[in-house]
Each structure stands twice: as C-alpha cells, then as structure tokens.
PDB file of N, CA and C in Angstrom:
ATOM      1  N   MET A   1     117.055  87.099 108.369  1.00  0.00           N
ATOM      2  CA  MET A   1     118.188  87.704 107.726  1.00  0.00           C
ATOM      3  C   MET A   1     117.907  87.849 106.222  1.00  0.00           C
ATOM      4  N   PHE A   2     117.423  86.845 105.559  1.00  0.00           N
ATOM      5  CA  PHE A   2     117.140  86.943 104.146  1.00  0.00           C
ATOM      6  C   PHE A   2     115.627  86.980 103.928  1.00  0.00           C
ATOM      7  N   LYS A   3     115.004  88.043 104.280  1.00  0.00           N
ATOM      8  CA  LYS A   3     113.572  88.180 104.085  1.00  0.00           C
ATOM      9  C   LYS A   3     113.274  88.559 102.648  1.00  0.00           C
ATOM     10  N   LYS A   4     112.165  88.017 102.148  1.00  0.00           N
ATOM     11  CA  LYS A   4     111.755  88.296 100.769  1.00  0.00           C
ATOM     12  C   LYS A   4     110.903  89.546 100.792  1.00  0.00           C
ATOM     13  N   ASN A   5     111.252  90.511 100.008  1.00  0.00           N
ATOM     14  CA  ASN A   5     110.479  91.745  99.897  1.00  0.00           C
ATOM     15  C   ASN A   5     109.194  91.507  99.109  1.00  0.00           C
ATOM     16  N   LYS A   6     108.123  92.184  99.498  1.00  0.00           N
ATOM     17  CA  LYS A   6     106.855  92.030  98.782  1.00  0.00           C
ATOM     18  C   LYS A   6     106.951  92.480  97.338  1.00  0.00           C
ATOM     19  N   SER A   7     107.772  93.463  97.097  1.00  0.00           N
ATOM     20  CA  SER A   7     107.878  93.971  95.701  1.00  0.00           C
ATOM     21  C   SER A   7     108.709  93.074  94.822  1.00  0.00           C
ATOM     22  N   GLU A   8     109.386  92.063  95.412  1.00  0.00           N
ATOM     23  CA  GLU A   8     110.174  91.119  94.606  1.00  0.00           C
ATOM     24  C   GLU A   8     109.308  89.914  94.248  1.00  0.00           C
ATOM     25  N   CYS A   9     108.581  89.994  93.178  1.00  0.00           N
ATOM     26  CA  CYS A   9     107.700  88.901  92.748  1.00  0.00           C
ATOM     27  C   CYS A   9     107.907  88.689  91.265  1.00  0.00           C
ATOM     28  N   LEU A  10     107.256  87.683  90.715  1.00  0.00           N
ATOM     29  CA  LEU A  10     107.384  87.365  89.315  1.00  0.00           C
ATOM     30  C   LEU A  10     106.903  88.571  88.468  1.00  0.00           C
ATOM     31  N   PRO A  11     107.519  88.804  87.363  1.00  0.00           N
ATOM     32  CA  PRO A  11     107.131  89.984  86.516  1.00  0.00           C
ATOM     33  C   PRO A  11     105.681  89.911  86.035  1.00  0.00           C
ATOM     34  N   GLU A  12     105.150  88.700  85.778  1.00  0.00           N
ATOM     35  CA  GLU A  12     103.784  88.597  85.304  1.00  0.00           C
ATOM     36  C   GLU A  12     102.766  88.898  86.409  1.00  0.00           C
ATOM     37  N   ASN A  13     103.213  88.885  87.657  1.00  0.00           N
ATOM     38  CA  ASN A  13     102.346  89.223  88.790  1.00  0.00           C
ATOM     39  C   ASN A  13     102.469  90.701  89.200  1.00  0.00           C
ATOM     40  N   ARG A  14     103.305  91.464  88.515  1.00  0.00           N
ATOM     41  CA  ARG A  14     103.490  92.884  88.855  1.00  0.00           C
ATOM     42  C   ARG A  14     102.551  93.763  88.112  1.00  0.00           C
ATOM     43  N   ILE A  15     101.268  93.430  88.045  1.00  0.00           N
ATOM     44  CA  ILE A  15     100.270  94.246  87.377  1.00  0.00           C
ATOM     45  C   ILE A  15      99.367  94.891  88.446  1.00  0.00           C
ATOM     46  N   CYS A  16      98.739  95.958  88.077  1.00  0.00           N
ATOM     47  CA  CYS A  16      97.937  96.751  89.017  1.00  0.00           C
ATOM     48  C   CYS A  16      96.760  95.967  89.609  1.00  0.00           C
ATOM     49  N   ALA A  17      96.322  94.930  88.929  1.00  0.00           N
ATOM     50  CA  ALA A  17      95.196  94.108  89.439  1.00  0.00           C
ATOM     51  C   ALA A  17      95.593  93.389  90.731  1.00  0.00           C
ATOM     52  N   TYR A  18      96.858  93.141  90.957  1.00  0.00           N
ATOM     53  CA  TYR A  18      97.339  92.476  92.175  1.00  0.00           C
ATOM     54  C   TYR A  18      97.985  93.395  93.214  1.00  0.00           C
ATOM     55  N   CYS A  19      97.874  94.704  93.018  1.00  0.00           N
ATOM     56  CA  CYS A  19      98.498  95.663  93.893  1.00  0.00           C
ATOM     57  C   CYS A  19      97.640  95.980  95.126  1.00  0.00           C
ATOM     58  N   GLU A  20      98.272  96.315  96.238  1.00  0.00           N
ATOM     59  CA  GLU A  20      97.566  96.675  97.468  1.00  0.00           C
ATOM     60  C   GLU A  20      96.806  98.002  97.313  1.00  0.00           C
ATOM     61  N   HIS A  21      97.273  98.867  96.472  1.00  0.00           N
ATOM     62  CA  HIS A  21      96.698 100.185  96.337  1.00  0.00           C
ATOM     63  C   HIS A  21      95.510 100.234  95.354  1.00  0.00           C
ATOM     64  N   ALA A  22      95.306  99.190  94.570  1.00  0.00           N
ATOM     65  CA  ALA A  22      94.255  99.202  93.534  1.00  0.00           C
ATOM     66  C   ALA A  22      93.092  98.334  93.916  1.00  0.00           C
ATOM     67  N   ARG A  23      91.876  98.795  93.502  1.00  0.00           N
ATOM     68  CA  ARG A  23      90.659  98.037  93.718  1.00  0.00           C
ATOM     69  C   ARG A  23      89.897  97.972  92.399  1.00  0.00           C
ATOM     70  N   PRO A  24      89.498  96.771  91.938  1.00  0.00           N
ATOM     71  CA  PRO A  24      88.848  96.612  90.641  1.00  0.00           C
ATOM     72  C   PRO A  24      87.446  97.225  90.615  1.00  0.00           C
ATOM     73  N   LEU A  25      87.040  97.703  89.451  1.00  0.00           N
ATOM     74  CA  LEU A  25      85.675  98.212  89.215  1.00  0.00           C
ATOM     75  C   LEU A  25      84.909  97.165  88.464  1.00  0.00           C
ATOM     76  N   GLY A  26      84.382  96.158  89.096  1.00  0.00           N
ATOM     77  CA  GLY A  26      83.587  95.098  88.417  1.00  0.00           C
ATOM     78  C   GLY A  26      84.413  94.345  87.400  1.00  0.00           C
ATOM     79  N   ASP A  27      83.812  94.073  86.270  1.00  0.00           N
ATOM     80  CA  ASP A  27      84.474  93.334  85.188  1.00  0.00           C
ATOM     81  C   ASP A  27      84.884  94.251  84.061  1.00  0.00           C
ATOM     82  N   SER A  28      85.038  95.521  84.345  1.00  0.00           N
ATOM     83  CA  SER A  28      85.331  96.504  83.286  1.00  0.00           C
ATOM     84  C   SER A  28      86.784  96.546  82.838  1.00  0.00           C
ATOM     85  N   GLY A  29      87.685  95.952  83.634  1.00  0.00           N
ATOM     86  CA  GLY A  29      89.105  95.991  83.311  1.00  0.00           C
ATOM     87  C   GLY A  29      89.789  97.254  83.781  1.00  0.00           C
ATOM     88  N   ILE A  30      89.088  97.977  84.665  1.00  0.00           N
ATOM     89  CA  ILE A  30      89.658  99.229  85.190  1.00  0.00           C
ATOM     90  C   ILE A  30      89.742  99.116  86.721  1.00  0.00           C
ATOM     91  N   CYS A  31      90.784  99.696  87.269  1.00  0.00           N
ATOM     92  CA  CYS A  31      90.943  99.696  88.740  1.00  0.00           C
ATOM     93  C   CYS A  31      91.033 101.160  89.226  1.00  0.00           C
ATOM     94  N   ILE A  32      90.707 101.331  90.484  1.00  0.00           N
ATOM     95  CA  ILE A  32      90.896 102.632  91.135  1.00  0.00           C
ATOM     96  C   ILE A  32      92.139 102.492  92.045  1.00  0.00           C
ATOM     97  N   CYS A  33      93.160 103.269  91.766  1.00  0.00           N
ATOM     98  CA  CYS A  33      94.373 103.231  92.494  1.00  0.00           C
ATOM     99  C   CYS A  33      94.389 104.421  93.490  1.00  0.00           C
ATOM    100  N   ASP A  34      94.874 104.171  94.688  1.00  0.00           N
ATOM    101  CA  ASP A  34      94.991 105.220  95.703  1.00  0.00           C
ATOM    102  C   ASP A  34      95.983 106.287  95.269  1.00  0.00           C
ATOM    103  N   ILE A  35      96.951 105.909  94.447  1.00  0.00           N
ATOM    104  CA  ILE A  35      98.025 106.813  94.069  1.00  0.00           C
ATOM    105  C   ILE A  35      97.744 107.510  92.737  1.00  0.00           C
ATOM    106  N   LYS A  36      97.358 106.730  91.715  1.00  0.00           N
ATOM    107  CA  LYS A  36      97.243 107.237  90.354  1.00  0.00           C
ATOM    108  C   LYS A  36      95.831 107.536  89.884  1.00  0.00           C
ATOM    109  N   GLY A  37      94.809 107.070  90.580  1.00  0.00           N
ATOM    110  CA  GLY A  37      93.425 107.265  90.163  1.00  0.00           C
ATOM    111  C   GLY A  37      92.926 106.114  89.334  1.00  0.00           C
ATOM    112  N   LEU A  38      92.221 106.410  88.221  1.00  0.00           N
ATOM    113  CA  LEU A  38      91.721 105.357  87.324  1.00  0.00           C
ATOM    114  C   LEU A  38      92.842 104.790  86.455  1.00  0.00           C
ATOM    115  N   ILE A  39      92.994 103.477  86.465  1.00  0.00           N
ATOM    116  CA  ILE A  39      94.053 102.816  85.683  1.00  0.00           C
ATOM    117  C   ILE A  39      93.497 101.534  85.098  1.00  0.00           C
ATOM    118  N   LYS A  40      94.195 100.989  84.088  1.00  0.00           N
ATOM    119  CA  LYS A  40      93.831  99.669  83.548  1.00  0.00           C
ATOM    120  C   LYS A  40      94.364  98.577  84.475  1.00  0.00           C
ATOM    121  N   ASP A  41      93.730  97.389  84.382  1.00  0.00           N
ATOM    122  CA  ASP A  41      94.150  96.247  85.186  1.00  0.00           C
ATOM    123  C   ASP A  41      95.566  95.805  84.919  1.00  0.00           C
ATOM    124  N   ASP A  42      95.983  95.906  83.662  1.00  0.00           N
ATOM    125  CA  ASP A  42      97.307  95.391  83.319  1.00  0.00           C
ATOM    126  C   ASP A  42      98.416  96.457  83.367  1.00  0.00           C
ATOM    127  N   GLY A  43      98.140  97.587  83.980  1.00  0.00           N
ATOM    128  CA  GLY A  43      99.141  98.635  84.149  1.00  0.00           C
ATOM    129  C   GLY A  43     100.169  98.297  85.230  1.00  0.00           C
ATOM    130  N   VAL A  44     101.262  99.045  85.231  1.00  0.00           N
ATOM    131  CA  VAL A  44     102.352  98.829  86.179  1.00  0.00           C
ATOM    132  C   VAL A  44     102.843 100.219  86.645  1.00  0.00           C
ATOM    133  N   CYS A  45     103.264 100.315  87.952  1.00  0.00           N
ATOM    134  CA  CYS A  45     103.847 101.567  88.386  1.00  0.00           C
ATOM    135  C   CYS A  45     104.955 101.267  89.432  1.00  0.00           C
ATOM    136  N   ARG A  46     105.684 102.298  89.823  1.00  0.00           N
ATOM    137  CA  ARG A  46     106.787 102.130  90.752  1.00  0.00           C
ATOM    138  C   ARG A  46     106.350 101.833  92.167  1.00  0.00           C
ATOM    139  N   LYS A  47     105.191 102.267  92.528  1.00  0.00           N
ATOM    140  CA  LYS A  47     104.659 102.066  93.893  1.00  0.00           C
ATOM    141  C   LYS A  47     103.982 100.705  94.094  1.00  0.00           C
ATOM    142  N   PHE A  48     104.231  99.769  93.192  1.00  0.00           N
ATOM    143  CA  PHE A  48     103.605  98.446  93.248  1.00  0.00           C
ATOM    144  C   PHE A  48     103.942  97.716  94.546  1.00  0.00           C
ATOM    145  N   SER A  49     102.912  97.194  95.220  1.00  0.00           N
ATOM    146  CA  SER A  49     103.115  96.412  96.423  1.00  0.00           C
ATOM    147  C   SER A  49     102.156  95.222  96.310  1.00  0.00           C
ATOM    148  N   LEU A  50     102.683  94.016  96.273  1.00  0.00           N
ATOM    149  CA  LEU A  50     101.893  92.809  96.031  1.00  0.00           C
ATOM    150  C   LEU A  50     100.961  92.537  97.164  1.00  0.00           C
ATOM    151  N   ASP A  51      99.674  92.306  96.822  1.00  0.00           N
ATOM    152  CA  ASP A  51      98.680  91.860  97.790  1.00  0.00           C
ATOM    153  C   ASP A  51      98.443  90.371  97.537  1.00  0.00           C
ATOM    154  N   LEU A  52      98.926  89.512  98.438  1.00  0.00           N
ATOM    155  CA  LEU A  52      98.887  88.089  98.220  1.00  0.00           C
ATOM    156  C   LEU A  52      97.469  87.546  98.171  1.00  0.00           C
ATOM    157  N   LEU A  53      96.496  88.244  98.778  1.00  0.00           N
ATOM    158  CA  LEU A  53      95.128  87.746  98.723  1.00  0.00           C
ATOM    159  C   LEU A  53      94.446  87.963  97.386  1.00  0.00           C
ATOM    160  N   LYS A  54      95.029  88.772  96.503  1.00  0.00           N
ATOM    161  CA  LYS A  54      94.440  89.010  95.184  1.00  0.00           C
ATOM    162  C   LYS A  54      94.934  87.997  94.145  1.00  0.00           C
ATOM    163  N   LEU A  55      95.998  87.268  94.455  1.00  0.00           N
ATOM    164  CA  LEU A  55      96.514  86.247  93.537  1.00  0.00           C
ATOM    165  C   LEU A  55      95.541  85.099  93.410  1.00  0.00           C
ATOM    166  N   LYS A  56      95.388  84.579  92.227  1.00  0.00           N
ATOM    167  CA  LYS A  56      94.491  83.404  92.019  1.00  0.00           C
ATOM    168  C   LYS A  56      95.384  82.152  91.963  1.00  0.00           C
ATOM    169  N   PRO A  57      95.026  81.140  92.762  1.00  0.00           N
ATOM    170  CA  PRO A  57      95.825  79.923  92.773  1.00  0.00           C
ATOM    171  C   PRO A  57      95.622  79.111  91.512  1.00  0.00           C
ATOM    172  N   HIS A  58      96.617  78.329  91.173  1.00  0.00           N
ATOM    173  CA  HIS A  58      96.488  77.433  90.025  1.00  0.00           C
ATOM    174  C   HIS A  58      95.669  76.245  90.399  1.00  0.00           C
ATOM    175  N   VAL A  59      94.773  75.811  89.546  1.00  0.00           N
ATOM    176  CA  VAL A  59      93.875  74.660  89.834  1.00  0.00           C
ATOM    177  C   VAL A  59      94.470  73.418  89.187  1.00  0.00           C
ATOM    178  N   LEU A  60      94.570  72.382  89.960  1.00  0.00           N
ATOM    179  CA  LEU A  60      95.084  71.120  89.453  1.00  0.00           C
ATOM    180  C   LEU A  60      93.975  70.420  88.667  1.00  0.00           C
ATOM    181  N   LYS A  61      94.237  70.063  87.413  1.00  0.00           N
ATOM    182  CA  LYS A  61      93.229  69.410  86.594  1.00  0.00           C
ATOM    183  C   LYS A  61      93.563  67.909  86.478  1.00  0.00           C
ATOM    184  N   LEU A  62      92.660  67.108  86.990  1.00  0.00           N
ATOM    185  CA  LEU A  62      92.843  65.655  86.914  1.00  0.00           C
ATOM    186  C   LEU A  62      91.870  65.136  85.835  1.00  0.00           C
ATOM    187  N   THR A  63      92.419  64.405  84.863  1.00  0.00           N
ATOM    188  CA  THR A  63      91.588  63.923  83.771  1.00  0.00           C
ATOM    189  C   THR A  63      91.314  62.427  83.834  1.00  0.00           C
ATOM    190  N   ASP A  64      92.201  61.687  84.427  1.00  0.00           N
ATOM    191  CA  ASP A  64      92.112  60.241  84.480  1.00  0.00           C
ATOM    192  C   ASP A  64      91.242  59.853  85.699  1.00  0.00           C
ATOM    193  N   THR A  65      90.185  59.102  85.470  1.00  0.00           N
ATOM    194  CA  THR A  65      89.305  58.693  86.575  1.00  0.00           C
ATOM    195  C   THR A  65      89.998  57.756  87.516  1.00  0.00           C
ATOM    196  N   GLU A  66      90.938  56.966  87.018  1.00  0.00           N
ATOM    197  CA  GLU A  66      91.677  56.046  87.921  1.00  0.00           C
ATOM    198  C   GLU A  66      92.568  56.837  88.876  1.00  0.00           C
ATOM    199  N   GLU A  67      93.164  57.911  88.389  1.00  0.00           N
ATOM    200  CA  GLU A  67      93.965  58.785  89.247  1.00  0.00           C
ATOM    201  C   GLU A  67      93.096  59.386  90.317  1.00  0.00           C
ATOM    202  N   ASN A  68      91.874  59.841  89.936  1.00  0.00           N
ATOM    203  CA  ASN A  68      90.983  60.444  90.900  1.00  0.00           C
ATOM    204  C   ASN A  68      90.591  59.474  91.961  1.00  0.00           C
ATOM    205  N   SER A  69      90.299  58.231  91.651  1.00  0.00           N
ATOM    206  CA  SER A  69      89.885  57.262  92.589  1.00  0.00           C
ATOM    207  C   SER A  69      91.030  56.916  93.579  1.00  0.00           C
ATOM    208  N   LEU A  70      92.277  56.926  93.068  1.00  0.00           N
ATOM    209  CA  LEU A  70      93.445  56.657  93.930  1.00  0.00           C
ATOM    210  C   LEU A  70      93.677  57.804  94.899  1.00  0.00           C
ATOM    211  N   LEU A  71      93.519  59.045  94.419  1.00  0.00           N
ATOM    212  CA  LEU A  71      93.792  60.177  95.281  1.00  0.00           C
ATOM    213  C   LEU A  71      92.712  60.468  96.304  1.00  0.00           C
ATOM    214  N   PHE A  72      91.436  60.198  95.973  1.00  0.00           N
ATOM    215  CA  PHE A  72      90.359  60.617  96.829  1.00  0.00           C
ATOM    216  C   PHE A  72      89.674  59.450  97.518  1.00  0.00           C
ATOM    217  N   THR A  73      90.303  58.315  97.671  1.00  0.00           N
ATOM    218  CA  THR A  73      89.707  57.200  98.408  1.00  0.00           C
ATOM    219  C   THR A  73      90.475  56.926  99.657  1.00  0.00           C
TER     220      THR A  73
END
C-alpha cells in the first residue's frame, strides 16, 4: 500500500552518478547518459531513477582496540 518510489531518495543522492541511465567514464568525472548524452557526475535531471547498486555504503570506523576485541572475538 505504501510503497517507496525509487525517485524518492535523499537530495544528496539525486546526482547523475547514481542514476540508472548514466554510466561513468573512468575517473574523469563525466558520465554517459542514455537520455542526455555526456554529462557531469554531479548533474541532475528530471528523468532521475536511483540505482541502488551504485550507492556506496558508509564504512564503520573503529578506533579503540578494546572495542575491536570485544566485537570480533
């Protein structure tokens, strides 16, 4: 009943680098979009559709060695 739409995501994730229609060109900061052609990674358009596999997960940083030993033993 209350399904979440793919286009309803956080505003910082609505960039062309995370879109289903765009594919990055190496490390150049440019993507090839099926709709618009050559675009920058940080561009935005109306046809944005989030590709969940392109999102990078947040990495948990553990600094305390005692915490590490408690978690991983």
